[in-house]
């Protein structure tokens, strides 16, 4: 006798329990995905920014000149052995990475 009333109520209950729930789950998943992508993009940008600052700091402090002076004071045989193992590149990468890591501490929300 009240079938005309139970059908819309059942439809509304199903819609409220399933459709709206799925909408909010999808919307929240999309929001989390966008926030994660924004965080990754900001971390990449801040790393590049800190890398540029680190290179500037190293040049301003004269570390490169001091390393070149120390390198030129070495014996030729030692220089050839160290060059074979690419030690100057290793020193350069480690020094820049250390200063970059230090610089990243001053950028808020940069992943450090």
N, C-alpha and C. Protein backbone atom coordinates (compact mmCIF):
# COMPACT_ATOMS: atom_id res chain seq x y z
N UNK A 1 0.81 -1.19 0.00
CA UNK A 1 0.00 0.00 0.00
C UNK A 1 0.86 1.26 0.00
N UNK A 2 1.97 1.23 0.68
CA UNK A 2 2.84 2.40 0.70
C UNK A 2 4.06 2.22 -0.20
N UNK A 3 3.90 1.42 -1.24
CA UNK A 3 5.02 1.20 -2.16
C UNK A 3 5.44 2.49 -2.85
N UNK A 4 4.51 3.33 -3.12
CA UNK A 4 4.85 4.59 -3.79
C UNK A 4 5.77 5.45 -2.92
N UNK A 5 5.75 5.24 -1.61
CA UNK A 5 6.59 6.01 -0.70
C UNK A 5 7.92 5.32 -0.42
N UNK A 6 7.94 4.02 -0.38
CA UNK A 6 9.18 3.31 -0.07
C UNK A 6 10.18 3.36 -1.21
N UNK A 7 9.72 3.40 -2.43
CA UNK A 7 10.64 3.45 -3.57
C UNK A 7 11.47 4.74 -3.56
N UNK A 8 10.87 5.93 -3.40
CA UNK A 8 11.71 7.14 -3.34
C UNK A 8 12.60 7.18 -2.10
N UNK A 9 12.10 6.65 -1.00
CA UNK A 9 12.92 6.65 0.22
C UNK A 9 14.11 5.72 0.04
N UNK A 10 13.88 4.56 -0.54
CA UNK A 10 14.99 3.63 -0.81
C UNK A 10 15.99 4.25 -1.78
N UNK A 11 15.47 4.92 -2.80
CA UNK A 11 16.36 5.59 -3.75
C UNK A 11 17.20 6.66 -3.06
N UNK A 12 16.57 7.46 -2.21
CA UNK A 12 17.28 8.51 -1.50
C UNK A 12 18.32 7.93 -0.54
N UNK A 13 17.97 6.88 0.17
CA UNK A 13 18.90 6.26 1.11
C UNK A 13 20.09 5.67 0.34
N UNK A 14 19.83 4.98 -0.77
CA UNK A 14 20.90 4.42 -1.58
C UNK A 14 21.78 5.54 -2.14
N UNK A 15 21.14 6.60 -2.63
CA UNK A 15 21.89 7.73 -3.18
C UNK A 15 22.75 8.38 -2.10
N UNK A 16 22.20 8.56 -0.92
CA UNK A 16 22.93 9.20 0.17
C UNK A 16 24.07 8.32 0.67
N UNK A 17 23.85 7.03 0.78
CA UNK A 17 24.86 6.12 1.32
C UNK A 17 25.96 5.76 0.31
N UNK A 18 25.63 5.68 -0.95
CA UNK A 18 26.60 5.23 -1.94
C UNK A 18 27.11 6.35 -2.83
N UNK A 19 26.24 7.09 -3.46
CA UNK A 19 26.64 8.08 -4.45
C UNK A 19 27.38 9.24 -3.81
N UNK A 20 26.83 9.79 -2.75
CA UNK A 20 27.50 10.91 -2.09
C UNK A 20 28.80 10.46 -1.46
N UNK A 21 28.81 9.27 -0.89
CA UNK A 21 30.04 8.73 -0.30
C UNK A 21 31.11 8.60 -1.38
N UNK A 22 30.78 8.04 -2.51
CA UNK A 22 31.75 7.89 -3.60
C UNK A 22 32.22 9.25 -4.12
N UNK A 23 31.32 10.22 -4.16
CA UNK A 23 31.71 11.56 -4.59
C UNK A 23 32.75 12.15 -3.65
N UNK A 24 32.52 12.05 -2.35
CA UNK A 24 33.47 12.62 -1.40
C UNK A 24 34.78 11.85 -1.37
N UNK A 25 34.72 10.54 -1.55
CA UNK A 25 35.95 9.75 -1.63
C UNK A 25 36.76 10.18 -2.85
N UNK A 26 36.10 10.32 -3.98
CA UNK A 26 36.78 10.74 -5.21
C UNK A 26 37.32 12.16 -5.09
N UNK A 27 36.54 13.05 -4.50
CA UNK A 27 36.99 14.43 -4.35
C UNK A 27 38.19 14.52 -3.40
N UNK A 28 38.15 13.78 -2.31
CA UNK A 28 39.27 13.79 -1.37
C UNK A 28 40.51 13.16 -1.98
N UNK A 29 40.33 12.09 -2.74
CA UNK A 29 41.47 11.45 -3.42
C UNK A 29 42.10 12.42 -4.42
N UNK A 30 41.28 13.15 -5.16
CA UNK A 30 41.78 14.14 -6.11
C UNK A 30 42.53 15.25 -5.37
N UNK A 31 41.99 15.71 -4.26
CA UNK A 31 42.64 16.76 -3.47
C UNK A 31 43.99 16.29 -2.95
N UNK A 32 44.06 15.09 -2.42
CA UNK A 32 45.32 14.55 -1.91
C UNK A 32 46.32 14.38 -3.05
N UNK A 33 45.86 13.92 -4.20
CA UNK A 33 46.74 13.76 -5.36
C UNK A 33 47.32 15.11 -5.79
N UNK A 34 46.49 16.12 -5.86
CA UNK A 34 46.97 17.45 -6.28
C UNK A 34 47.93 18.05 -5.24
N UNK A 35 47.65 17.84 -3.97
CA UNK A 35 48.55 18.35 -2.94
C UNK A 35 49.90 17.63 -2.98
N UNK A 36 49.88 16.33 -3.26
CA UNK A 36 51.12 15.57 -3.37
C UNK A 36 51.93 16.04 -4.56
N UNK A 37 51.29 16.24 -5.69
CA UNK A 37 51.99 16.73 -6.87
C UNK A 37 52.56 18.12 -6.64
N UNK A 38 51.81 18.98 -5.98
CA UNK A 38 52.31 20.33 -5.67
C UNK A 38 53.51 20.26 -4.73
N UNK A 39 53.46 19.36 -3.77
CA UNK A 39 54.59 19.21 -2.85
C UNK A 39 55.83 18.73 -3.58
N UNK A 40 55.67 17.77 -4.47
CA UNK A 40 56.81 17.26 -5.25
C UNK A 40 57.37 18.35 -6.14
N UNK A 41 56.51 19.10 -6.81
CA UNK A 41 56.98 20.18 -7.68
C UNK A 41 57.71 21.26 -6.88
N UNK A 42 57.20 21.58 -5.69
CA UNK A 42 57.86 22.57 -4.86
C UNK A 42 59.21 22.07 -4.38
N UNK A 43 59.29 20.78 -4.04
CA UNK A 43 60.56 20.21 -3.60
C UNK A 43 61.59 20.25 -4.72
N UNK A 44 61.18 19.94 -5.93
CA UNK A 44 62.10 20.01 -7.08
C UNK A 44 62.54 21.44 -7.30
N UNK A 45 61.61 22.38 -7.25
CA UNK A 45 61.96 23.78 -7.46
C UNK A 45 62.92 24.27 -6.38
N UNK A 46 62.61 23.93 -5.13
CA UNK A 46 63.46 24.42 -4.04
C UNK A 46 64.84 23.78 -4.09
N UNK A 47 64.94 22.54 -4.57
CA UNK A 47 66.25 21.91 -4.71
C UNK A 47 67.08 22.61 -5.77
N UNK A 48 66.45 22.94 -6.89
CA UNK A 48 67.17 23.68 -7.95
C UNK A 48 67.58 25.06 -7.45
N UNK A 49 66.70 25.70 -6.72
CA UNK A 49 66.99 27.03 -6.18
C UNK A 49 68.15 26.96 -5.18
N UNK A 50 68.12 25.96 -4.30
CA UNK A 50 69.19 25.80 -3.32
C UNK A 50 70.51 25.43 -4.00
N UNK A 51 70.46 24.67 -5.08
CA UNK A 51 71.66 24.31 -5.84
C UNK A 51 72.31 25.57 -6.41
N UNK A 52 71.49 26.45 -6.98
CA UNK A 52 72.03 27.71 -7.52
C UNK A 52 72.63 28.57 -6.40
N UNK A 53 71.96 28.63 -5.27
CA UNK A 53 72.49 29.41 -4.14
C UNK A 53 73.79 28.79 -3.65
N UNK A 54 73.86 27.46 -3.60
CA UNK A 54 75.07 26.78 -3.12
C UNK A 54 76.25 27.09 -4.04
N UNK A 55 76.02 27.08 -5.35
CA UNK A 55 77.11 27.41 -6.27
C UNK A 55 77.57 28.85 -6.06
N UNK A 56 76.64 29.75 -5.82
CA UNK A 56 77.00 31.15 -5.57
C UNK A 56 77.80 31.28 -4.27
N UNK A 57 77.37 30.58 -3.23
CA UNK A 57 78.08 30.64 -1.95
C UNK A 57 79.50 30.11 -2.10
N UNK A 58 79.65 28.99 -2.80
CA UNK A 58 80.98 28.41 -3.00
C UNK A 58 81.88 29.35 -3.77
N UNK A 59 81.34 30.01 -4.79
CA UNK A 59 82.14 30.97 -5.55
C UNK A 59 82.48 32.21 -4.72
N UNK A 60 81.51 32.69 -3.94
CA UNK A 60 81.75 33.89 -3.13
C UNK A 60 82.77 33.65 -2.02
N UNK A 61 82.80 32.44 -1.48
CA UNK A 61 83.76 32.13 -0.42
C UNK A 61 85.16 31.84 -0.96
N UNK A 62 85.26 31.66 -2.26
CA UNK A 62 86.56 31.40 -2.86
C UNK A 62 87.04 29.97 -2.67
N UNK A 63 86.12 29.07 -2.43
CA UNK A 63 86.48 27.67 -2.24
C UNK A 63 87.04 27.08 -3.53
N UNK A 64 86.48 27.45 -4.65
CA UNK A 64 86.95 26.92 -5.93
C UNK A 64 88.39 27.33 -6.19
N UNK A 65 88.70 28.59 -5.91
CA UNK A 65 90.08 29.05 -6.10
C UNK A 65 91.04 28.32 -5.17
N UNK A 66 90.64 28.10 -3.93
CA UNK A 66 91.49 27.39 -2.98
C UNK A 66 91.72 25.95 -3.42
N UNK A 67 90.66 25.30 -3.92
CA UNK A 67 90.82 23.93 -4.41
C UNK A 67 91.72 23.88 -5.65
N UNK A 68 91.57 24.85 -6.54
CA UNK A 68 92.43 24.89 -7.73
C UNK A 68 93.88 25.12 -7.35
N UNK A 69 94.11 25.97 -6.36
CA UNK A 69 95.48 26.21 -5.89
C UNK A 69 96.07 24.95 -5.27
N UNK A 70 95.29 24.27 -4.45
CA UNK A 70 95.76 23.03 -3.83
C UNK A 70 95.99 21.95 -4.89
N UNK A 71 95.13 21.90 -5.89
CA UNK A 71 95.26 20.92 -6.97
C UNK A 71 96.53 21.15 -7.78
N UNK A 72 96.83 22.42 -8.05
CA UNK A 72 98.01 22.72 -8.87
C UNK A 72 99.32 22.49 -8.10
N UNK A 73 99.25 22.43 -6.78
CA UNK A 73 100.46 22.21 -6.00
C UNK A 73 100.84 20.74 -5.90
N UNK A 74 99.98 19.86 -6.37
CA UNK A 74 100.26 18.42 -6.32
C UNK A 74 101.22 18.00 -7.42
N UNK A 75 101.85 16.86 -7.22
CA UNK A 75 102.77 16.29 -8.20
C UNK A 75 101.97 15.79 -9.43
N UNK A 76 102.61 15.77 -10.58
CA UNK A 76 101.94 15.37 -11.82
C UNK A 76 101.43 13.95 -11.80
N UNK A 77 102.20 13.03 -11.19
CA UNK A 77 101.75 11.63 -11.12
C UNK A 77 100.50 11.50 -10.25
N UNK A 78 100.50 12.21 -9.15
CA UNK A 78 99.34 12.17 -8.25
C UNK A 78 98.12 12.77 -8.95
N UNK A 79 98.34 13.86 -9.68
CA UNK A 79 97.23 14.50 -10.40
C UNK A 79 96.65 13.55 -11.44
N UNK A 80 97.51 12.81 -12.16
CA UNK A 80 97.00 11.90 -13.17
C UNK A 80 96.23 10.74 -12.55
N UNK A 81 96.69 10.24 -11.40
CA UNK A 81 95.97 9.15 -10.73
C UNK A 81 94.62 9.65 -10.21
N UNK A 82 94.63 10.82 -9.56
CA UNK A 82 93.37 11.38 -9.04
C UNK A 82 92.41 11.73 -10.17
N UNK A 83 92.94 12.19 -11.29
CA UNK A 83 92.09 12.51 -12.44
C UNK A 83 91.50 11.25 -13.05
N UNK A 84 92.27 10.16 -13.04
CA UNK A 84 91.75 8.90 -13.57
C UNK A 84 90.53 8.44 -12.78
N UNK A 85 90.58 8.58 -11.47
CA UNK A 85 89.45 8.21 -10.61
C UNK A 85 88.43 9.33 -10.46
N UNK A 86 88.62 10.41 -11.18
CA UNK A 86 87.71 11.57 -11.20
C UNK A 86 87.47 12.13 -9.80
N UNK A 87 88.51 12.20 -9.01
CA UNK A 87 88.43 12.73 -7.65
C UNK A 87 88.04 14.22 -7.64
N UNK A 88 88.54 15.05 -8.58
CA UNK A 88 88.09 16.46 -8.55
C UNK A 88 86.58 16.61 -8.73
N UNK A 89 85.99 15.77 -9.59
CA UNK A 89 84.54 15.82 -9.77
C UNK A 89 83.81 15.37 -8.51
N UNK A 90 84.36 14.35 -7.86
CA UNK A 90 83.75 13.86 -6.62
C UNK A 90 83.78 14.94 -5.55
N UNK A 91 84.91 15.61 -5.42
CA UNK A 91 85.04 16.67 -4.42
C UNK A 91 84.06 17.80 -4.73
N UNK A 92 83.95 18.16 -5.99
CA UNK A 92 83.04 19.23 -6.41
C UNK A 92 81.59 18.85 -6.11
N UNK A 93 81.20 17.63 -6.45
CA UNK A 93 79.82 17.19 -6.22
C UNK A 93 79.51 17.13 -4.73
N UNK A 94 80.43 16.57 -3.94
CA UNK A 94 80.19 16.48 -2.50
C UNK A 94 80.11 17.85 -1.84
N UNK A 95 80.98 18.74 -2.23
CA UNK A 95 80.98 20.08 -1.65
C UNK A 95 79.68 20.82 -2.00
N UNK A 96 79.29 20.75 -3.26
CA UNK A 96 78.05 21.42 -3.66
C UNK A 96 76.84 20.77 -3.01
N UNK A 97 76.84 19.45 -2.89
CA UNK A 97 75.71 18.77 -2.24
C UNK A 97 75.61 19.15 -0.77
N UNK A 98 76.75 19.26 -0.09
CA UNK A 98 76.72 19.65 1.32
C UNK A 98 76.16 21.06 1.48
N UNK A 99 76.63 21.99 0.66
CA UNK A 99 76.15 23.37 0.78
C UNK A 99 74.68 23.45 0.36
N UNK A 100 74.28 22.67 -0.64
CA UNK A 100 72.87 22.65 -1.05
C UNK A 100 71.99 22.13 0.07
N UNK A 101 72.42 21.06 0.72
CA UNK A 101 71.66 20.52 1.85
C UNK A 101 71.55 21.54 2.98
N UNK A 102 72.62 22.24 3.23
CA UNK A 102 72.60 23.28 4.27
C UNK A 102 71.65 24.41 3.88
N UNK A 103 71.66 24.79 2.61
CA UNK A 103 70.79 25.87 2.13
C UNK A 103 69.33 25.47 2.20
N UNK A 104 69.02 24.19 1.93
CA UNK A 104 67.63 23.73 1.96
C UNK A 104 67.01 23.85 3.35
N UNK A 105 67.82 23.88 4.38
CA UNK A 105 67.29 24.01 5.74
C UNK A 105 66.61 25.36 5.95
N UNK A 106 66.97 26.33 5.13
CA UNK A 106 66.40 27.67 5.29
C UNK A 106 65.17 27.92 4.43
N UNK A 107 64.79 26.93 3.62
CA UNK A 107 63.59 27.06 2.79
C UNK A 107 62.48 26.24 3.43
N UNK A 108 61.44 26.88 3.94
CA UNK A 108 60.37 26.14 4.62
C UNK A 108 59.63 25.20 3.66
N UNK A 109 59.22 24.05 4.16
CA UNK A 109 58.45 23.05 3.43
C UNK A 109 59.18 22.52 2.20
N UNK A 110 60.51 22.49 2.25
CA UNK A 110 61.26 22.05 1.08
C UNK A 110 61.60 20.57 1.12
N UNK A 111 61.04 19.83 2.02
CA UNK A 111 61.27 18.41 2.08
C UNK A 111 62.41 18.03 3.02
N UNK A 112 63.01 18.99 3.66
CA UNK A 112 64.11 18.72 4.59
C UNK A 112 63.61 18.81 5.99
